[in-house]
Amino acid sequence: METYLIVLGTFLGAMAVMAVGLLRGRALSGSCGGVGPDGESIADCLCEMQNAPVCDARKELMALARRKAEKDRARQLASK
């Protein structure tokens, strides 16, 4: 039981420390990258910071994945 209370206190303390920024008026903001609610890429920090060939390949893969998802969605709608 003592271990549980120590762990609980540690987690609550960590959450309180993270909340200090919110209490001082800083807005929450996500990291760059990820996808929005519509499934589109929000940003790609690495590609924005440097023009790397990897970014071009990644963009091609994302376009391919998007086309495949559209085909799958159309196939599902047609089967209903």
PDB file of N, CA and C in Angstrom:
ATOM      1  N   MET A   1       0.824  -1.190   0.000  1.00  0.00           N
ATOM      2  CA  MET A   1       0.000   0.000   0.000  1.00  0.00           C
ATOM      3  C   MET A   1       0.869   1.255   0.000  1.00  0.00           C
ATOM      4  N   GLU A   2       1.970   1.170   0.710  1.00  0.00           N
ATOM      5  CA  GLU A   2       2.875   2.321   0.778  1.00  0.00           C
ATOM      6  C   GLU A   2       3.447   2.636  -0.604  1.00  0.00           C
ATOM      7  N   THR A   3       3.811   1.606  -1.371  1.00  0.00           N
ATOM      8  CA  THR A   3       4.335   1.796  -2.722  1.00  0.00           C
ATOM      9  C   THR A   3       3.284   2.458  -3.610  1.00  0.00           C
ATOM     10  N   TYR A   4       2.049   2.009  -3.497  1.00  0.00           N
ATOM     11  CA  TYR A   4       0.950   2.583  -4.279  1.00  0.00           C
ATOM     12  C   TYR A   4       0.807   4.072  -3.995  1.00  0.00           C
ATOM     13  N   LEU A   5       0.862   4.458  -2.748  1.00  0.00           N
ATOM     14  CA  LEU A   5       0.718   5.864  -2.391  1.00  0.00           C
ATOM     15  C   LEU A   5       1.906   6.699  -2.893  1.00  0.00           C
ATOM     16  N   ILE A   6       3.091   6.126  -2.871  1.00  0.00           N
ATOM     17  CA  ILE A   6       4.268   6.838  -3.378  1.00  0.00           C
ATOM     18  C   ILE A   6       4.140   7.058  -4.885  1.00  0.00           C
ATOM     19  N   VAL A   7       3.736   6.014  -5.596  1.00  0.00           N
ATOM     20  CA  VAL A   7       3.574   6.126  -7.049  1.00  0.00           C
ATOM     21  C   VAL A   7       2.466   7.119  -7.383  1.00  0.00           C
ATOM     22  N   LEU A   8       1.355   7.040  -6.680  1.00  0.00           N
ATOM     23  CA  LEU A   8       0.241   7.959  -6.900  1.00  0.00           C
ATOM     24  C   LEU A   8       0.680   9.403  -6.651  1.00  0.00           C
ATOM     25  N   GLY A   9       1.408   9.614  -5.571  1.00  0.00           N
ATOM     26  CA  GLY A   9       1.909  10.955  -5.265  1.00  0.00           C
ATOM     27  C   GLY A   9       2.865  11.469  -6.332  1.00  0.00           C
ATOM     28  N   THR A  10       3.708  10.589  -6.858  1.00  0.00           N
ATOM     29  CA  THR A  10       4.651  10.968  -7.906  1.00  0.00           C
ATOM     30  C   THR A  10       3.912  11.390  -9.166  1.00  0.00           C
ATOM     31  N   PHE A  11       2.910  10.613  -9.557  1.00  0.00           N
ATOM     32  CA  PHE A  11       2.141  10.953 -10.747  1.00  0.00           C
ATOM     33  C   PHE A  11       1.359  12.250 -10.558  1.00  0.00           C
ATOM     34  N   LEU A  12       0.750  12.411  -9.416  1.00  0.00           N
ATOM     35  CA  LEU A  12       0.013  13.653  -9.163  1.00  0.00           C
ATOM     36  C   LEU A  12       0.947  14.855  -9.152  1.00  0.00           C
ATOM     37  N   GLY A  13       2.136  14.688  -8.590  1.00  0.00           N
ATOM     38  CA  GLY A  13       3.120  15.766  -8.593  1.00  0.00           C
ATOM     39  C   GLY A  13       3.566  16.120 -10.007  1.00  0.00           C
ATOM     40  N   ALA A  14       3.787  15.114 -10.828  1.00  0.00           N
ATOM     41  CA  ALA A  14       4.192  15.357 -12.216  1.00  0.00           C
ATOM     42  C   ALA A  14       3.092  16.088 -12.982  1.00  0.00           C
ATOM     43  N   MET A  15       1.852  15.696 -12.774  1.00  0.00           N
ATOM     44  CA  MET A  15       0.736  16.373 -13.436  1.00  0.00           C
ATOM     45  C   MET A  15       0.613  17.808 -12.960  1.00  0.00           C
ATOM     46  N   ALA A  16       0.845  18.046 -11.699  1.00  0.00           N
ATOM     47  CA  ALA A  16       0.774  19.411 -11.170  1.00  0.00           C
ATOM     48  C   ALA A  16       1.868  20.283 -11.773  1.00  0.00           C
ATOM     49  N   VAL A  17       3.062  19.734 -11.920  1.00  0.00           N
ATOM     50  CA  VAL A  17       4.161  20.491 -12.521  1.00  0.00           C
ATOM     51  C   VAL A  17       3.836  20.825 -13.977  1.00  0.00           C
ATOM     52  N   MET A  18       3.258  19.870 -14.713  1.00  0.00           N
ATOM     53  CA  MET A  18       2.902  20.128 -16.111  1.00  0.00           C
ATOM     54  C   MET A  18       1.776  21.146 -16.230  1.00  0.00           C
ATOM     55  N   ALA A  19       0.916  21.228 -15.227  1.00  0.00           N
ATOM     56  CA  ALA A  19      -0.212  22.158 -15.276  1.00  0.00           C
ATOM     57  C   ALA A  19       0.206  23.598 -15.016  1.00  0.00           C
ATOM     58  N   VAL A  20       1.405  23.814 -14.504  1.00  0.00           N
ATOM     59  CA  VAL A  20       1.856  25.175 -14.205  1.00  0.00           C
ATOM     60  C   VAL A  20       1.835  26.039 -15.464  1.00  0.00           C
ATOM     61  N   GLY A  21       2.232  25.477 -16.591  1.00  0.00           N
ATOM     62  CA  GLY A  21       2.214  26.229 -17.845  1.00  0.00           C
ATOM     63  C   GLY A  21       0.818  26.676 -18.216  1.00  0.00           C
ATOM     64  N   LEU A  22      -0.154  25.828 -17.996  1.00  0.00           N
ATOM     65  CA  LEU A  22      -1.545  26.198 -18.303  1.00  0.00           C
ATOM     66  C   LEU A  22      -2.034  27.282 -17.351  1.00  0.00           C
ATOM     67  N   LEU A  23      -1.647  27.192 -16.111  1.00  0.00           N
ATOM     68  CA  LEU A  23      -2.085  28.187 -15.138  1.00  0.00           C
ATOM     69  C   LEU A  23      -1.490  29.562 -15.439  1.00  0.00           C
ATOM     70  N   ARG A  24      -0.348  29.576 -16.111  1.00  0.00           N
ATOM     71  CA  ARG A  24       0.287  30.855 -16.459  1.00  0.00           C
ATOM     72  C   ARG A  24      -0.212  31.393 -17.793  1.00  0.00           C
ATOM     73  N   GLY A  25      -1.196  30.743 -18.388  1.00  0.00           N
ATOM     74  CA  GLY A  25      -1.818  31.260 -19.604  1.00  0.00           C
ATOM     75  C   GLY A  25      -1.254  30.737 -20.907  1.00  0.00           C
ATOM     76  N   ARG A  26      -0.362  29.789 -20.861  1.00  0.00           N
ATOM     77  CA  ARG A  26       0.145  29.222 -22.115  1.00  0.00           C
ATOM     78  C   ARG A  26      -0.901  28.302 -22.708  1.00  0.00           C
ATOM     79  N   ALA A  27      -1.095  28.411 -23.997  1.00  0.00           N
ATOM     80  CA  ALA A  27      -2.066  27.544 -24.675  1.00  0.00           C
ATOM     81  C   ALA A  27      -1.445  26.187 -24.949  1.00  0.00           C
ATOM     82  N   LEU A  28      -2.282  25.186 -24.993  1.00  0.00           N
ATOM     83  CA  LEU A  28      -1.815  23.863 -25.370  1.00  0.00           C
ATOM     84  C   LEU A  28      -1.532  23.856 -26.858  1.00  0.00           C
ATOM     85  N   SER A  29      -0.462  23.241 -27.246  1.00  0.00           N
ATOM     86  CA  SER A  29      -0.167  23.097 -28.667  1.00  0.00           C
ATOM     87  C   SER A  29       0.510  21.757 -28.879  1.00  0.00           C
ATOM     88  N   GLY A  30       0.165  21.136 -29.962  1.00  0.00           N
ATOM     89  CA  GLY A  30       0.738  19.837 -30.263  1.00  0.00           C
ATOM     90  C   GLY A  30       2.107  19.979 -30.886  1.00  0.00           C
ATOM     91  N   SER A  31       2.777  18.878 -30.959  1.00  0.00           N
ATOM     92  CA  SER A  31       4.057  18.892 -31.647  1.00  0.00           C
ATOM     93  C   SER A  31       3.776  18.922 -33.138  1.00  0.00           C
ATOM     94  N   CYS A  32       4.762  19.289 -33.895  1.00  0.00           N
ATOM     95  CA  CYS A  32       4.535  19.290 -35.332  1.00  0.00           C
ATOM     96  C   CYS A  32       4.510  17.845 -35.804  1.00  0.00           C
ATOM     97  N   GLY A  33       3.743  17.618 -36.805  1.00  0.00           N
ATOM     98  CA  GLY A  33       3.566  16.273 -37.306  1.00  0.00           C
ATOM     99  C   GLY A  33       2.204  15.746 -36.912  1.00  0.00           C
ATOM    100  N   GLY A  34       1.934  14.553 -37.269  1.00  0.00           N
ATOM    101  CA  GLY A  34       0.650  13.962 -36.962  1.00  0.00           C
ATOM    102  C   GLY A  34      -0.371  14.264 -38.042  1.00  0.00           C
ATOM    103  N   VAL A  35      -1.606  13.879 -37.780  1.00  0.00           N
ATOM    104  CA  VAL A  35      -2.675  14.094 -38.746  1.00  0.00           C
ATOM    105  C   VAL A  35      -3.809  14.859 -38.102  1.00  0.00           C
ATOM    106  N   GLY A  36      -4.531  15.592 -38.907  1.00  0.00           N
ATOM    107  CA  GLY A  36      -5.685  16.340 -38.446  1.00  0.00           C
ATOM    108  C   GLY A  36      -6.921  15.467 -38.453  1.00  0.00           C
ATOM    109  N   PRO A  37      -8.071  16.023 -38.080  1.00  0.00           N
ATOM    110  CA  PRO A  37      -9.307  15.246 -38.030  1.00  0.00           C
ATOM    111  C   PRO A  37      -9.734  14.709 -39.392  1.00  0.00           C
ATOM    112  N   ASP A  38      -9.296  15.369 -40.464  1.00  0.00           N
ATOM    113  CA  ASP A  38      -9.658  14.907 -41.802  1.00  0.00           C
ATOM    114  C   ASP A  38      -8.683  13.876 -42.359  1.00  0.00           C
ATOM    115  N   GLY A  39      -7.665  13.521 -41.597  1.00  0.00           N
ATOM    116  CA  GLY A  39      -6.700  12.518 -42.017  1.00  0.00           C
ATOM    117  C   GLY A  39      -5.520  13.086 -42.775  1.00  0.00           C
ATOM    118  N   GLU A  40      -5.525  14.380 -43.033  1.00  0.00           N
ATOM    119  CA  GLU A  40      -4.417  15.014 -43.737  1.00  0.00           C
ATOM    120  C   GLU A  40      -3.278  15.320 -42.771  1.00  0.00           C
ATOM    121  N   SER A  41      -2.073  15.288 -43.283  1.00  0.00           N
ATOM    122  CA  SER A  41      -0.901  15.587 -42.474  1.00  0.00           C
ATOM    123  C   SER A  41      -0.918  17.057 -42.060  1.00  0.00           C
ATOM    124  N   ILE A  42      -0.692  17.331 -40.792  1.00  0.00           N
ATOM    125  CA  ILE A  42      -0.682  18.703 -40.292  1.00  0.00           C
ATOM    126  C   ILE A  42       0.618  19.384 -40.687  1.00  0.00           C
ATOM    127  N   ALA A  43       1.718  18.783 -40.401  1.00  0.00           N
ATOM    128  CA  ALA A  43       3.017  19.338 -40.744  1.00  0.00           C
ATOM    129  C   ALA A  43       4.057  18.253 -40.612  1.00  0.00           C
ATOM    130  N   ASP A  44       5.161  18.487 -41.211  1.00  0.00           N
ATOM    131  CA  ASP A  44       6.268  17.554 -41.114  1.00  0.00           C
ATOM    132  C   ASP A  44       7.508  18.377 -40.796  1.00  0.00           C
ATOM    133  N   CYS A  45       7.828  18.505 -39.536  1.00  0.00           N
ATOM    134  CA  CYS A  45       8.913  19.387 -39.095  1.00  0.00           C
ATOM    135  C   CYS A  45      10.230  19.063 -39.760  1.00  0.00           C
ATOM    136  N   LEU A  46      10.560  17.803 -39.845  1.00  0.00           N
ATOM    137  CA  LEU A  46      11.836  17.423 -40.427  1.00  0.00           C
ATOM    138  C   LEU A  46      11.913  17.904 -41.866  1.00  0.00           C
ATOM    139  N   CYS A  47      10.846  17.718 -42.619  1.00  0.00           N
ATOM    140  CA  CYS A  47      10.855  18.124 -44.024  1.00  0.00           C
ATOM    141  C   CYS A  47      10.805  19.631 -44.165  1.00  0.00           C
ATOM    142  N   GLU A  48      10.196  20.314 -43.232  1.00  0.00           N
ATOM    143  CA  GLU A  48      10.156  21.761 -43.314  1.00  0.00           C
ATOM    144  C   GLU A  48      11.510  22.367 -42.964  1.00  0.00           C
ATOM    145  N   MET A  49      12.253  21.715 -42.079  1.00  0.00           N
ATOM    146  CA  MET A  49      13.540  22.247 -41.652  1.00  0.00           C
ATOM    147  C   MET A  49      14.644  21.971 -42.665  1.00  0.00           C
ATOM    148  N   GLN A  50      14.537  20.859 -43.364  1.00  0.00           N
ATOM    149  CA  GLN A  50      15.584  20.522 -44.328  1.00  0.00           C
ATOM    150  C   GLN A  50      14.953  19.880 -45.550  1.00  0.00           C
ATOM    151  N   ASN A  51      15.490  20.181 -46.684  1.00  0.00           N
ATOM    152  CA  ASN A  51      14.973  19.632 -47.925  1.00  0.00           C
ATOM    153  C   ASN A  51      15.731  18.348 -48.218  1.00  0.00           C
ATOM    154  N   ALA A  52      15.260  17.257 -47.668  1.00  0.00           N
ATOM    155  CA  ALA A  52      15.955  15.982 -47.778  1.00  0.00           C
ATOM    156  C   ALA A  52      15.245  15.074 -48.778  1.00  0.00           C
ATOM    157  N   PRO A  53      15.992  14.224 -49.486  1.00  0.00           N
ATOM    158  CA  PRO A  53      15.369  13.272 -50.415  1.00  0.00           C
ATOM    159  C   PRO A  53      14.393  12.333 -49.701  1.00  0.00           C
ATOM    160  N   VAL A  54      14.636  12.093 -48.422  1.00  0.00           N
ATOM    161  CA  VAL A  54      13.745  11.234 -47.647  1.00  0.00           C
ATOM    162  C   VAL A  54      12.341  11.829 -47.631  1.00  0.00           C
ATOM    163  N   CYS A  55      12.259  13.150 -47.590  1.00  0.00           N
ATOM    164  CA  CYS A  55      10.969  13.821 -47.540  1.00  0.00           C
ATOM    165  C   CYS A  55      10.185  13.588 -48.823  1.00  0.00           C
ATOM    166  N   ASP A  56      10.881  13.614 -49.965  1.00  0.00           N
ATOM    167  CA  ASP A  56      10.199  13.364 -51.236  1.00  0.00           C
ATOM    168  C   ASP A  56       9.644  11.947 -51.273  1.00  0.00           C
ATOM    169  N   ALA A  57      10.441  10.986 -50.813  1.00  0.00           N
ATOM    170  CA  ALA A  57       9.985   9.597 -50.779  1.00  0.00           C
ATOM    171  C   ALA A  57       8.807   9.447 -49.821  1.00  0.00           C
ATOM    172  N   ARG A  58       8.874  10.140 -48.706  1.00  0.00           N
ATOM    173  CA  ARG A  58       7.778  10.070 -47.732  1.00  0.00           C
ATOM    174  C   ARG A  58       6.496  10.645 -48.321  1.00  0.00           C
ATOM    175  N   LYS A  59       6.619  11.747 -49.050  1.00  0.00           N
ATOM    176  CA  LYS A  59       5.439  12.350 -49.681  1.00  0.00           C
ATOM    177  C   LYS A  59       4.820  11.403 -50.696  1.00  0.00           C
ATOM    178  N   GLU A  60       5.657  10.697 -51.462  1.00  0.00           N
ATOM    179  CA  GLU A  60       5.149   9.731 -52.428  1.00  0.00           C
ATOM    180  C   GLU A  60       4.429   8.586 -51.721  1.00  0.00           C
ATOM    181  N   LEU A  61       5.011   8.104 -50.622  1.00  0.00           N
ATOM    182  CA  LEU A  61       4.370   7.027 -49.868  1.00  0.00           C
ATOM    183  C   LEU A  61       3.036   7.479 -49.272  1.00  0.00           C
ATOM    184  N   MET A  62       2.994   8.723 -48.778  1.00  0.00           N
ATOM    185  CA  MET A  62       1.748   9.243 -48.215  1.00  0.00           C
ATOM    186  C   MET A  62       0.678   9.351 -49.296  1.00  0.00           C
ATOM    187  N   ALA A  63       1.054   9.796 -50.495  1.00  0.00           N
ATOM    188  CA  ALA A  63       0.096   9.896 -51.600  1.00  0.00           C
ATOM    189  C   ALA A  63      -0.406   8.514 -51.991  1.00  0.00           C
ATOM    190  N   LEU A  64       0.481   7.534 -52.026  1.00  0.00           N
ATOM    191  CA  LEU A  64       0.098   6.164 -52.343  1.00  0.00           C
ATOM    192  C   LEU A  64      -0.865   5.616 -51.295  1.00  0.00           C
ATOM    193  N   ALA A  65      -0.563   5.859 -50.036  1.00  0.00           N
ATOM    194  CA  ALA A  65      -1.437   5.391 -48.950  1.00  0.00           C
ATOM    195  C   ALA A  65      -2.802   6.074 -49.024  1.00  0.00           C
ATOM    196  N   ARG A  66      -2.814   7.361 -49.369  1.00  0.00           N
ATOM    197  CA  ARG A  66      -4.077   8.091 -49.485  1.00  0.00           C
ATOM    198  C   ARG A  66      -4.933   7.523 -50.620  1.00  0.00           C
ATOM    199  N   ARG A  67      -4.286   7.229 -51.772  1.00  0.00           N
ATOM    200  CA  ARG A  67      -5.031   6.649 -52.896  1.00  0.00           C
ATOM    201  C   ARG A  67      -5.576   5.275 -52.535  1.00  0.00           C
ATOM    202  N   LYS A  68      -4.772   4.467 -51.824  1.00  0.00           N
ATOM    203  CA  LYS A  68      -5.236   3.137 -51.420  1.00  0.00           C
ATOM    204  C   LYS A  68      -6.410   3.248 -50.471  1.00  0.00           C
ATOM    205  N   ALA A  69      -6.349   4.190 -49.532  1.00  0.00           N
ATOM    206  CA  ALA A  69      -7.449   4.367 -48.591  1.00  0.00           C
ATOM    207  C   ALA A  69      -8.719   4.799 -49.315  1.00  0.00           C
ATOM    208  N   GLU A  70      -8.579   5.657 -50.326  1.00  0.00           N
ATOM    209  CA  GLU A  70      -9.749   6.088 -51.094  1.00  0.00           C
ATOM    210  C   GLU A  70     -10.361   4.923 -51.858  1.00  0.00           C
ATOM    211  N   LYS A  71      -9.503   4.070 -52.451  1.00  0.00           N
ATOM    212  CA  LYS A  71     -10.000   2.893 -53.161  1.00  0.00           C
ATOM    213  C   LYS A  71     -10.714   1.944 -52.208  1.00  0.00           C
ATOM    214  N   ASP A  72     -10.120   1.713 -51.028  1.00  0.00           N
ATOM    215  CA  ASP A  72     -10.739   0.834 -50.039  1.00  0.00           C
ATOM    216  C   ASP A  72     -12.091   1.377 -49.589  1.00  0.00           C
ATOM    217  N   ARG A  73     -12.148   2.696 -49.377  1.00  0.00           N
ATOM    218  CA  ARG A  73     -13.398   3.326 -48.957  1.00  0.00           C
ATOM    219  C   ARG A  73     -14.458   3.191 -50.046  1.00  0.00           C
ATOM    220  N   ALA A  74     -14.065   3.403 -51.300  1.00  0.00           N
ATOM    221  CA  ALA A  74     -15.007   3.264 -52.424  1.00  0.00           C
ATOM    222  C   ALA A  74     -15.483   1.822 -52.538  1.00  0.00           C
ATOM    223  N   ARG A  75     -14.578   0.870 -52.334  1.00  0.00           N
ATOM    224  CA  ARG A  75     -14.937  -0.551 -52.401  1.00  0.00           C
ATOM    225  C   ARG A  75     -15.932  -0.906 -51.298  1.00  0.00           C
ATOM    226  N   GLN A  76     -15.715  -0.342 -50.084  1.00  0.00           N
ATOM    227  CA  GLN A  76     -16.628  -0.616 -48.981  1.00  0.00           C
ATOM    228  C   GLN A  76     -18.014  -0.025 -49.254  1.00  0.00           C
ATOM    229  N   LEU A  77     -18.053   1.177 -49.803  1.00  0.00           N
ATOM    230  CA  LEU A  77     -19.340   1.803 -50.127  1.00  0.00           C
ATOM    231  C   LEU A  77     -20.069   1.041 -51.219  1.00  0.00           C
ATOM    232  N   ALA A  78     -19.331   0.515 -52.187  1.00  0.00           N
ATOM    233  CA  ALA A  78     -19.944  -0.239 -53.280  1.00  0.00           C
ATOM    234  C   ALA A  78     -20.502  -1.580 -52.793  1.00  0.00           C
ATOM    235  N   SER A  79     -19.884  -2.155 -51.789  1.00  0.00           N
ATOM    236  CA  SER A  79     -20.343  -3.450 -51.296  1.00  0.00           C
ATOM    237  C   SER A  79     -21.548  -3.364 -50.388  1.00  0.00           C
ATOM    238  N   LYS A  80     -21.917  -2.165 -49.970  1.00  0.00           N
ATOM    239  CA  LYS A  80     -23.077  -2.013 -49.070  1.00  0.00           C
ATOM    240  C   LYS A  80     -24.361  -2.032 -49.787  1.00  0.00           C
TER     241      LYS A  80
END
